[in-house]
Amino acid sequence: MLEYMGQIVQALAGRDRGGIFCVVGVDREQERLLLADGKRRKASHPKAKKPAHVRFLTEPQRGGFHHPATQALQRGETVYDRELRRAIAAFKEEMSLGKG
């Protein structure tokens, strides 16, 4: 499940349905992804979701979305809320331009 770190996902279930998040951690014991967006869900208090309840907007096989924040997460480094917000905004911008 570590290959999910730094991936951009969209919540499919719950009150945060439709929200765009970044995978900031993995709870192996409960088999859940820890999600944060830097705004509603801070990196210090991520939302735990089952992988079945999210849609991956980036592909782990291709290396995911290339942004300094997502790459830092993949290396196991700490990422701050401001960096998460910027990464998600950059992802949304890229998607709106049709590059994704």
PDB file of N, CA and C in Angstrom:
ATOM      1  N   MET A   1       0.821  -1.205   0.000  1.00  0.00           N
ATOM      2  CA  MET A   1       0.000   0.000   0.000  1.00  0.00           C
ATOM      3  C   MET A   1       0.861   1.264   0.000  1.00  0.00           C
ATOM      4  N   LEU A   2       2.153   1.126   0.175  1.00  0.00           N
ATOM      5  CA  LEU A   2       3.014   2.309   0.182  1.00  0.00           C
ATOM      6  C   LEU A   2       3.077   3.001  -1.166  1.00  0.00           C
ATOM      7  N   GLU A   3       2.772   2.258  -2.241  1.00  0.00           N
ATOM      8  CA  GLU A   3       2.802   2.893  -3.554  1.00  0.00           C
ATOM      9  C   GLU A   3       1.715   3.956  -3.704  1.00  0.00           C
ATOM     10  N   TYR A   4       0.774   4.008  -2.768  1.00  0.00           N
ATOM     11  CA  TYR A   4      -0.293   5.010  -2.809  1.00  0.00           C
ATOM     12  C   TYR A   4       0.158   6.376  -2.287  1.00  0.00           C
ATOM     13  N   MET A   5       1.252   6.423  -1.573  1.00  0.00           N
ATOM     14  CA  MET A   5       1.710   7.688  -0.985  1.00  0.00           C
ATOM     15  C   MET A   5       1.902   8.759  -2.061  1.00  0.00           C
ATOM     16  N   GLY A   6       1.322   9.934  -1.812  1.00  0.00           N
ATOM     17  CA  GLY A   6       1.471  11.054  -2.726  1.00  0.00           C
ATOM     18  C   GLY A   6       0.508  11.050  -3.892  1.00  0.00           C
ATOM     19  N   GLN A   7      -0.365  10.054  -3.978  1.00  0.00           N
ATOM     20  CA  GLN A   7      -1.321   9.995  -5.087  1.00  0.00           C
ATOM     21  C   GLN A   7      -2.493  10.940  -4.817  1.00  0.00           C
ATOM     22  N   ILE A   8      -3.047  11.465  -5.881  1.00  0.00           N
ATOM     23  CA  ILE A   8      -4.213  12.344  -5.795  1.00  0.00           C
ATOM     24  C   ILE A   8      -5.454  11.491  -5.993  1.00  0.00           C
ATOM     25  N   VAL A   9      -6.432  11.635  -5.078  1.00  0.00           N
ATOM     26  CA  VAL A   9      -7.649  10.822  -5.128  1.00  0.00           C
ATOM     27  C   VAL A   9      -8.876  11.711  -4.960  1.00  0.00           C
ATOM     28  N   GLN A  10     -10.027  11.144  -5.348  1.00  0.00           N
ATOM     29  CA  GLN A  10     -11.311  11.807  -5.140  1.00  0.00           C
ATOM     30  C   GLN A  10     -12.154  10.895  -4.254  1.00  0.00           C
ATOM     31  N   ALA A  11     -12.752  11.464  -3.220  1.00  0.00           N
ATOM     32  CA  ALA A  11     -13.587  10.685  -2.305  1.00  0.00           C
ATOM     33  C   ALA A  11     -14.898  10.324  -3.000  1.00  0.00           C
ATOM     34  N   LEU A  12     -15.291   9.054  -2.893  1.00  0.00           N
ATOM     35  CA  LEU A  12     -16.524   8.582  -3.518  1.00  0.00           C
ATOM     36  C   LEU A  12     -17.645   8.372  -2.512  1.00  0.00           C
ATOM     37  N   ALA A  13     -17.314   8.385  -1.220  1.00  0.00           N
ATOM     38  CA  ALA A  13     -18.314   8.107  -0.192  1.00  0.00           C
ATOM     39  C   ALA A  13     -18.104   9.029   1.007  1.00  0.00           C
ATOM     40  N   GLY A  14     -19.185   9.204   1.751  1.00  0.00           N
ATOM     41  CA  GLY A  14     -19.109  10.003   2.975  1.00  0.00           C
ATOM     42  C   GLY A  14     -19.423  11.470   2.736  1.00  0.00           C
ATOM     43  N   ARG A  15     -19.316  12.252   3.788  1.00  0.00           N
ATOM     44  CA  ARG A  15     -19.665  13.672   3.693  1.00  0.00           C
ATOM     45  C   ARG A  15     -18.673  14.469   2.858  1.00  0.00           C
ATOM     46  N   ASP A  16     -17.494  13.899   2.646  1.00  0.00           N
ATOM     47  CA  ASP A  16     -16.486  14.572   1.823  1.00  0.00           C
ATOM     48  C   ASP A  16     -16.498  14.065   0.372  1.00  0.00           C
ATOM     49  N   ARG A  17     -17.578  13.405  -0.033  1.00  0.00           N
ATOM     50  CA  ARG A  17     -17.712  12.867  -1.387  1.00  0.00           C
ATOM     51  C   ARG A  17     -17.477  13.968  -2.423  1.00  0.00           C
ATOM     52  N   GLY A  18     -16.672  13.641  -3.413  1.00  0.00           N
ATOM     53  CA  GLY A  18     -16.367  14.599  -4.470  1.00  0.00           C
ATOM     54  C   GLY A  18     -15.129  15.430  -4.197  1.00  0.00           C
ATOM     55  N   GLY A  19     -14.650  15.411  -2.965  1.00  0.00           N
ATOM     56  CA  GLY A  19     -13.464  16.194  -2.599  1.00  0.00           C
ATOM     57  C   GLY A  19     -12.189  15.573  -3.150  1.00  0.00           C
ATOM     58  N   ILE A  20     -11.225  16.432  -3.455  1.00  0.00           N
ATOM     59  CA  ILE A  20      -9.931  16.000  -3.961  1.00  0.00           C
ATOM     60  C   ILE A  20      -8.944  16.012  -2.793  1.00  0.00           C
ATOM     61  N   PHE A  21      -8.224  14.912  -2.617  1.00  0.00           N
ATOM     62  CA  PHE A  21      -7.296  14.761  -1.506  1.00  0.00           C
ATOM     63  C   PHE A  21      -5.982  14.172  -1.991  1.00  0.00           C
ATOM     64  N   CYS A  22      -4.997  14.239  -1.141  1.00  0.00           N
ATOM     65  CA  CYS A  22      -3.703  13.620  -1.391  1.00  0.00           C
ATOM     66  C   CYS A  22      -3.492  12.544  -0.326  1.00  0.00           C
ATOM     67  N   VAL A  23      -2.971  11.403  -0.731  1.00  0.00           N
ATOM     68  CA  VAL A  23      -2.690  10.321   0.216  1.00  0.00           C
ATOM     69  C   VAL A  23      -1.409  10.684   0.972  1.00  0.00           C
ATOM     70  N   VAL A  24      -1.553  10.939   2.282  1.00  0.00           N
ATOM     71  CA  VAL A  24      -0.412  11.354   3.100  1.00  0.00           C
ATOM     72  C   VAL A  24       0.080  10.244   4.026  1.00  0.00           C
ATOM     73  N   GLY A  25      -0.622   9.118   4.030  1.00  0.00           N
ATOM     74  CA  GLY A  25      -0.211   8.003   4.871  1.00  0.00           C
ATOM     75  C   GLY A  25      -1.046   6.777   4.583  1.00  0.00           C
ATOM     76  N   VAL A  26      -0.623   5.672   5.174  1.00  0.00           N
ATOM     77  CA  VAL A  26      -1.311   4.395   5.000  1.00  0.00           C
ATOM     78  C   VAL A  26      -1.401   3.723   6.354  1.00  0.00           C
ATOM     79  N   ASP A  27      -2.606   3.293   6.717  1.00  0.00           N
ATOM     80  CA  ASP A  27      -2.817   2.520   7.943  1.00  0.00           C
ATOM     81  C   ASP A  27      -2.914   1.060   7.529  1.00  0.00           C
ATOM     82  N   ARG A  28      -1.794   0.351   7.624  1.00  0.00           N
ATOM     83  CA  ARG A  28      -1.746  -1.048   7.171  1.00  0.00           C
ATOM     84  C   ARG A  28      -2.655  -1.942   8.012  1.00  0.00           C
ATOM     85  N   GLU A  29      -2.734  -1.657   9.303  1.00  0.00           N
ATOM     86  CA  GLU A  29      -3.497  -2.504  10.213  1.00  0.00           C
ATOM     87  C   GLU A  29      -4.977  -2.533   9.823  1.00  0.00           C
ATOM     88  N   GLN A  30      -5.537  -1.372   9.532  1.00  0.00           N
ATOM     89  CA  GLN A  30      -6.953  -1.296   9.169  1.00  0.00           C
ATOM     90  C   GLN A  30      -7.160  -1.227   7.664  1.00  0.00           C
ATOM     91  N   GLU A  31      -6.077  -1.284   6.894  1.00  0.00           N
ATOM     92  CA  GLU A  31      -6.125  -1.207   5.437  1.00  0.00           C
ATOM     93  C   GLU A  31      -6.902   0.020   4.968  1.00  0.00           C
ATOM     94  N   ARG A  32      -6.427   1.163   5.416  1.00  0.00           N
ATOM     95  CA  ARG A  32      -7.047   2.439   5.040  1.00  0.00           C
ATOM     96  C   ARG A  32      -5.984   3.416   4.559  1.00  0.00           C
ATOM     97  N   LEU A  33      -6.415   4.311   3.695  1.00  0.00           N
ATOM     98  CA  LEU A  33      -5.553   5.390   3.225  1.00  0.00           C
ATOM     99  C   LEU A  33      -5.815   6.609   4.096  1.00  0.00           C
ATOM    100  N   LEU A  34      -4.787   7.370   4.394  1.00  0.00           N
ATOM    101  CA  LEU A  34      -4.933   8.586   5.182  1.00  0.00           C
ATOM    102  C   LEU A  34      -4.875   9.761   4.213  1.00  0.00           C
ATOM    103  N   LEU A  35      -5.954  10.530   4.160  1.00  0.00           N
ATOM    104  CA  LEU A  35      -6.109  11.586   3.166  1.00  0.00           C
ATOM    105  C   LEU A  35      -6.127  12.964   3.802  1.00  0.00           C
ATOM    106  N   ALA A  36      -5.528  13.923   3.114  1.00  0.00           N
ATOM    107  CA  ALA A  36      -5.548  15.319   3.570  1.00  0.00           C
ATOM    108  C   ALA A  36      -5.586  16.221   2.349  1.00  0.00           C
ATOM    109  N   ASP A  37      -6.170  17.398   2.530  1.00  0.00           N
ATOM    110  CA  ASP A  37      -6.171  18.395   1.458  1.00  0.00           C
ATOM    111  C   ASP A  37      -5.530  19.707   1.895  1.00  0.00           C
ATOM    112  N   GLY A  38      -5.140  19.779   3.170  1.00  0.00           N
ATOM    113  CA  GLY A  38      -4.485  20.983   3.665  1.00  0.00           C
ATOM    114  C   GLY A  38      -5.448  22.080   4.065  1.00  0.00           C
ATOM    115  N   LYS A  39      -6.730  21.875   3.824  1.00  0.00           N
ATOM    116  CA  LYS A  39      -7.728  22.894   4.138  1.00  0.00           C
ATOM    117  C   LYS A  39      -8.732  22.339   5.143  1.00  0.00           C
ATOM    118  N   ARG A  40      -9.671  21.541   4.671  1.00  0.00           N
ATOM    119  CA  ARG A  40     -10.652  20.929   5.573  1.00  0.00           C
ATOM    120  C   ARG A  40     -10.026  19.802   6.382  1.00  0.00           C
ATOM    121  N   ARG A  41      -9.158  19.058   5.747  1.00  0.00           N
ATOM    122  CA  ARG A  41      -8.450  17.965   6.406  1.00  0.00           C
ATOM    123  C   ARG A  41      -6.966  18.278   6.419  1.00  0.00           C
ATOM    124  N   LYS A  42      -6.450  18.558   7.581  1.00  0.00           N
ATOM    125  CA  LYS A  42      -5.040  18.913   7.738  1.00  0.00           C
ATOM    126  C   LYS A  42      -4.174  17.654   7.699  1.00  0.00           C
ATOM    127  N   ALA A  43      -2.921  17.835   7.350  1.00  0.00           N
ATOM    128  CA  ALA A  43      -1.976  16.718   7.313  1.00  0.00           C
ATOM    129  C   ALA A  43      -1.784  16.116   8.706  1.00  0.00           C
ATOM    130  N   SER A  44      -1.945  16.933   9.739  1.00  0.00           N
ATOM    131  CA  SER A  44      -1.784  16.441  11.108  1.00  0.00           C
ATOM    132  C   SER A  44      -2.978  15.602  11.574  1.00  0.00           C
ATOM    133  N   HIS A  45      -4.135  15.739  10.920  1.00  0.00           N
ATOM    134  CA  HIS A  45      -5.339  14.972  11.256  1.00  0.00           C
ATOM    135  C   HIS A  45      -5.995  14.478   9.968  1.00  0.00           C
ATOM    136  N   PRO A  46      -5.363  13.542   9.282  1.00  0.00           N
ATOM    137  CA  PRO A  46      -5.917  13.081   7.999  1.00  0.00           C
ATOM    138  C   PRO A  46      -7.166  12.231   8.174  1.00  0.00           C
ATOM    139  N   LYS A  47      -7.933  12.138   7.099  1.00  0.00           N
ATOM    140  CA  LYS A  47      -9.145  11.328   7.059  1.00  0.00           C
ATOM    141  C   LYS A  47      -8.772   9.921   6.624  1.00  0.00           C
ATOM    142  N   ALA A  48      -9.218   8.916   7.349  1.00  0.00           N
ATOM    143  CA  ALA A  48      -8.963   7.518   6.986  1.00  0.00           C
ATOM    144  C   ALA A  48     -10.103   7.025   6.102  1.00  0.00           C
ATOM    145  N   LYS A  49      -9.752   6.483   4.949  1.00  0.00           N
ATOM    146  CA  LYS A  49     -10.759   5.941   4.031  1.00  0.00           C
ATOM    147  C   LYS A  49     -10.278   4.631   3.447  1.00  0.00           C
ATOM    148  N   LYS A  50     -11.205   3.739   3.202  1.00  0.00           N
ATOM    149  CA  LYS A  50     -10.884   2.486   2.538  1.00  0.00           C
ATOM    150  C   LYS A  50     -10.548   2.778   1.077  1.00  0.00           C
ATOM    151  N   PRO A  51      -9.596   2.056   0.504  1.00  0.00           N
ATOM    152  CA  PRO A  51      -9.248   2.275  -0.904  1.00  0.00           C
ATOM    153  C   PRO A  51     -10.446   2.147  -1.847  1.00  0.00           C
ATOM    154  N   ALA A  52     -11.430   1.330  -1.488  1.00  0.00           N
ATOM    155  CA  ALA A  52     -12.616   1.165  -2.335  1.00  0.00           C
ATOM    156  C   ALA A  52     -13.494   2.416  -2.354  1.00  0.00           C
ATOM    157  N   HIS A  53     -13.302   3.306  -1.376  1.00  0.00           N
ATOM    158  CA  HIS A  53     -14.132   4.509  -1.287  1.00  0.00           C
ATOM    159  C   HIS A  53     -13.498   5.738  -1.908  1.00  0.00           C
ATOM    160  N   VAL A  54     -12.413   5.526  -2.656  1.00  0.00           N
ATOM    161  CA  VAL A  54     -11.773   6.633  -3.366  1.00  0.00           C
ATOM    162  C   VAL A  54     -11.537   6.236  -4.817  1.00  0.00           C
ATOM    163  N   ARG A  55     -11.449   7.244  -5.667  1.00  0.00           N
ATOM    164  CA  ARG A  55     -11.084   7.033  -7.068  1.00  0.00           C
ATOM    165  C   ARG A  55      -9.726   7.676  -7.267  1.00  0.00           C
ATOM    166  N   PHE A  56      -8.788   6.910  -7.782  1.00  0.00           N
ATOM    167  CA  PHE A  56      -7.450   7.436  -8.015  1.00  0.00           C
ATOM    168  C   PHE A  56      -7.451   8.288  -9.276  1.00  0.00           C
ATOM    169  N   LEU A  57      -7.047   9.531  -9.115  1.00  0.00           N
ATOM    170  CA  LEU A  57      -6.982  10.453 -10.243  1.00  0.00           C
ATOM    171  C   LEU A  57      -5.597  10.437 -10.879  1.00  0.00           C
ATOM    172  N   THR A  58      -4.635   9.875 -10.180  1.00  0.00           N
ATOM    173  CA  THR A  58      -3.294   9.679 -10.722  1.00  0.00           C
ATOM    174  C   THR A  58      -2.998   8.189 -10.671  1.00  0.00           C
ATOM    175  N   GLU A  59      -2.084   7.743 -11.498  1.00  0.00           N
ATOM    176  CA  GLU A  59      -1.785   6.325 -11.588  1.00  0.00           C
ATOM    177  C   GLU A  59      -0.447   6.011 -10.925  1.00  0.00           C
ATOM    178  N   PRO A  60      -0.460   5.189  -9.871  1.00  0.00           N
ATOM    179  CA  PRO A  60       0.794   4.847  -9.205  1.00  0.00           C
ATOM    180  C   PRO A  60       1.806   4.177 -10.142  1.00  0.00           C
ATOM    181  N   GLN A  61       1.308   3.433 -11.139  1.00  0.00           N
ATOM    182  CA  GLN A  61       2.203   2.726 -12.058  1.00  0.00           C
ATOM    183  C   GLN A  61       3.024   3.706 -12.893  1.00  0.00           C
ATOM    184  N   ARG A  62       2.482   4.856 -13.176  1.00  0.00           N
ATOM    185  CA  ARG A  62       3.167   5.865 -13.981  1.00  0.00           C
ATOM    186  C   ARG A  62       3.944   6.860 -13.133  1.00  0.00           C
ATOM    187  N   GLY A  63       3.979   6.653 -11.852  1.00  0.00           N
ATOM    188  CA  GLY A  63       4.716   7.553 -10.974  1.00  0.00           C
ATOM    189  C   GLY A  63       3.854   8.636 -10.371  1.00  0.00           C
ATOM    190  N   GLY A  64       2.574   8.709 -10.748  1.00  0.00           N
ATOM    191  CA  GLY A  64       1.659   9.684 -10.174  1.00  0.00           C
ATOM    192  C   GLY A  64       1.842  11.087 -10.716  1.00  0.00           C
ATOM    193  N   PHE A  65       1.356  12.045  -9.971  1.00  0.00           N
ATOM    194  CA  PHE A  65       1.410  13.455 -10.331  1.00  0.00           C
ATOM    195  C   PHE A  65       2.741  14.021  -9.859  1.00  0.00           C
ATOM    196  N   HIS A  66       3.470  14.650 -10.754  1.00  0.00           N
ATOM    197  CA  HIS A  66       4.802  15.160 -10.415  1.00  0.00           C
ATOM    198  C   HIS A  66       4.723  16.586  -9.880  1.00  0.00           C
ATOM    199  N   HIS A  67       4.810  16.686  -8.579  1.00  0.00           N
ATOM    200  CA  HIS A  67       4.820  17.973  -7.867  1.00  0.00           C
ATOM    201  C   HIS A  67       5.767  17.773  -6.687  1.00  0.00           C
ATOM    202  N   PRO A  68       6.500  18.795  -6.290  1.00  0.00           N
ATOM    203  CA  PRO A  68       7.433  18.615  -5.162  1.00  0.00           C
ATOM    204  C   PRO A  68       6.795  18.027  -3.903  1.00  0.00           C
ATOM    205  N   ALA A  69       5.547  18.392  -3.608  1.00  0.00           N
ATOM    206  CA  ALA A  69       4.889  17.875  -2.399  1.00  0.00           C
ATOM    207  C   ALA A  69       4.583  16.392  -2.533  1.00  0.00           C
ATOM    208  N   THR A  70       4.066  15.967  -3.680  1.00  0.00           N
ATOM    209  CA  THR A  70       3.730  14.557  -3.845  1.00  0.00           C
ATOM    210  C   THR A  70       5.000  13.706  -3.906  1.00  0.00           C
ATOM    211  N   GLN A  71       6.041  14.235  -4.496  1.00  0.00           N
ATOM    212  CA  GLN A  71       7.304  13.502  -4.545  1.00  0.00           C
ATOM    213  C   GLN A  71       7.927  13.384  -3.156  1.00  0.00           C
ATOM    214  N   ALA A  72       7.781  14.426  -2.337  1.00  0.00           N
ATOM    215  CA  ALA A  72       8.280  14.369  -0.959  1.00  0.00           C
ATOM    216  C   ALA A  72       7.536  13.294  -0.166  1.00  0.00           C
ATOM    217  N   LEU A  73       6.220  13.180  -0.362  1.00  0.00           N
ATOM    218  CA  LEU A  73       5.443  12.142   0.316  1.00  0.00           C
ATOM    219  C   LEU A  73       5.914  10.751  -0.107  1.00  0.00           C
ATOM    220  N   GLN A  74       6.207  10.588  -1.381  1.00  0.00           N
ATOM    221  CA  GLN A  74       6.671   9.289  -1.875  1.00  0.00           C
ATOM    222  C   GLN A  74       8.014   8.911  -1.267  1.00  0.00           C
ATOM    223  N   ARG A  75       8.821   9.918  -0.934  1.00  0.00           N
ATOM    224  CA  ARG A  75      10.119   9.661  -0.294  1.00  0.00           C
ATOM    225  C   ARG A  75       9.987   9.493   1.215  1.00  0.00           C
ATOM    226  N   GLY A  76       8.778   9.692   1.759  1.00  0.00           N
ATOM    227  CA  GLY A  76       8.555   9.535   3.191  1.00  0.00           C
ATOM    228  C   GLY A  76       8.843  10.789   3.990  1.00  0.00           C
ATOM    229  N   GLU A  77       8.940  11.935   3.328  1.00  0.00           N
ATOM    230  CA  GLU A  77       9.225  13.197   4.008  1.00  0.00           C
ATOM    231  C   GLU A  77       7.936  13.864   4.484  1.00  0.00           C
ATOM    232  N   THR A  78       8.064  14.764   5.440  1.00  0.00           N
ATOM    233  CA  THR A  78       6.932  15.517   5.960  1.00  0.00           C
ATOM    234  C   THR A  78       6.525  16.594   4.976  1.00  0.00           C
ATOM    235  N   VAL A  79       5.209  16.732   4.792  1.00  0.00           N
ATOM    236  CA  VAL A  79       4.668  17.754   3.906  1.00  0.00           C
ATOM    237  C   VAL A  79       3.679  18.592   4.711  1.00  0.00           C
ATOM    238  N   TYR A  80       3.746  19.896   4.547  1.00  0.00           N
ATOM    239  CA  TYR A  80       2.874  20.809   5.289  1.00  0.00           C
ATOM    240  C   TYR A  80       1.600  21.107   4.504  1.00  0.00           C
ATOM    241  N   ASP A  81       0.596  21.623   5.216  1.00  0.00           N
ATOM    242  CA  ASP A  81      -0.706  21.896   4.620  1.00  0.00           C
ATOM    243  C   ASP A  81      -0.606  22.843   3.425  1.00  0.00           C
ATOM    244  N   ARG A  82       0.203  23.851   3.535  1.00  0.00           N
ATOM    245  CA  ARG A  82       0.360  24.814   2.431  1.00  0.00           C
ATOM    246  C   ARG A  82       0.841  24.102   1.162  1.00  0.00           C
ATOM    247  N   GLU A  83       1.785  23.184   1.317  1.00  0.00           N
ATOM    248  CA  GLU A  83       2.311  22.432   0.168  1.00  0.00           C
ATOM    249  C   GLU A  83       1.234  21.523  -0.426  1.00  0.00           C
ATOM    250  N   LEU A  84       0.411  20.913   0.435  1.00  0.00           N
ATOM    251  CA  LEU A  84      -0.682  20.080  -0.057  1.00  0.00           C
ATOM    252  C   LEU A  84      -1.687  20.900  -0.850  1.00  0.00           C
ATOM    253  N   ARG A  85      -2.037  22.073  -0.335  1.00  0.00           N
ATOM    254  CA  ARG A  85      -2.982  22.935  -1.047  1.00  0.00           C
ATOM    255  C   ARG A  85      -2.439  23.320  -2.414  1.00  0.00           C
ATOM    256  N   ARG A  86      -1.159  23.646  -2.467  1.00  0.00           N
ATOM    257  CA  ARG A  86      -0.545  24.034  -3.745  1.00  0.00           C
ATOM    258  C   ARG A  86      -0.495  22.861  -4.717  1.00  0.00           C
ATOM    259  N   ALA A  87      -0.195  21.672  -4.224  1.00  0.00           N
ATOM    260  CA  ALA A  87      -0.146  20.495  -5.095  1.00  0.00           C
ATOM    261  C   ALA A  87      -1.520  20.183  -5.670  1.00  0.00           C
ATOM    262  N   ILE A  88      -2.558  20.245  -4.830  1.00  0.00           N
ATOM    263  CA  ILE A  88      -3.910  19.953  -5.298  1.00  0.00           C
ATOM    264  C   ILE A  88      -4.377  21.035  -6.271  1.00  0.00           C
ATOM    265  N   ALA A  89      -4.052  22.295  -5.995  1.00  0.00           N
ATOM    266  CA  ALA A  89      -4.413  23.379  -6.913  1.00  0.00           C
ATOM    267  C   ALA A  89      -3.714  23.203  -8.268  1.00  0.00           C
ATOM    268  N   ALA A  90      -2.442  22.799  -8.235  1.00  0.00           N
ATOM    269  CA  ALA A  90      -1.703  22.567  -9.479  1.00  0.00           C
ATOM    270  C   ALA A  90      -2.306  21.399 -10.246  1.00  0.00           C
ATOM    271  N   PHE A  91      -2.731  20.365  -9.528  1.00  0.00           N
ATOM    272  CA  PHE A  91      -3.362  19.219 -10.178  1.00  0.00           C
ATOM    273  C   PHE A  91      -4.674  19.636 -10.843  1.00  0.00           C
ATOM    274  N   LYS A  92      -5.496  20.393 -10.117  1.00  0.00           N
ATOM    275  CA  LYS A  92      -6.775  20.852 -10.678  1.00  0.00           C
ATOM    276  C   LYS A  92      -6.544  21.734 -11.906  1.00  0.00           C
ATOM    277  N   GLU A  93      -5.525  22.591 -11.844  1.00  0.00           N
ATOM    278  CA  GLU A  93      -5.197  23.459 -12.973  1.00  0.00           C
ATOM    279  C   GLU A  93      -4.797  22.622 -14.185  1.00  0.00           C
ATOM    280  N   GLU A  94      -3.979  21.615 -13.948  1.00  0.00           N
ATOM    281  CA  GLU A  94      -3.535  20.751 -15.045  1.00  0.00           C
ATOM    282  C   GLU A  94      -4.719  19.998 -15.654  1.00  0.00           C
ATOM    283  N   MET A  95      -5.644  19.542 -14.798  1.00  0.00           N
ATOM    284  CA  MET A  95      -6.824  18.827 -15.280  1.00  0.00           C
ATOM    285  C   MET A  95      -7.731  19.755 -16.085  1.00  0.00           C
ATOM    286  N   SER A  96      -7.866  21.001 -15.643  1.00  0.00           N
ATOM    287  CA  SER A  96      -8.732  21.937 -16.366  1.00  0.00           C
ATOM    288  C   SER A  96      -8.145  22.322 -17.716  1.00  0.00           C
ATOM    289  N   LEU A  97      -6.833  22.210 -17.861  1.00  0.00           N
ATOM    290  CA  LEU A  97      -6.185  22.498 -19.140  1.00  0.00           C
ATOM    291  C   LEU A  97      -6.197  21.285 -20.071  1.00  0.00           C
ATOM    292  N   GLY A  98      -6.680  20.149 -19.543  1.00  0.00           N
ATOM    293  CA  GLY A  98      -6.793  18.957 -20.359  1.00  0.00           C
ATOM    294  C   GLY A  98      -5.527  18.171 -20.530  1.00  0.00           C
ATOM    295  N   LYS A  99      -4.559  18.380 -19.639  1.00  0.00           N
ATOM    296  CA  LYS A  99      -3.289  17.665 -19.755  1.00  0.00           C
ATOM    297  C   LYS A  99      -3.295  16.338 -19.028  1.00  0.00           C
ATOM    298  N   GLY A 100      -4.296  16.113 -18.158  1.00  0.00           N
ATOM    299  CA  GLY A 100      -4.303  14.906 -17.344  1.00  0.00           C
ATOM    300  C   GLY A 100      -4.954  13.802 -17.944  1.00  0.00           C
TER     301      GLY A 100
END
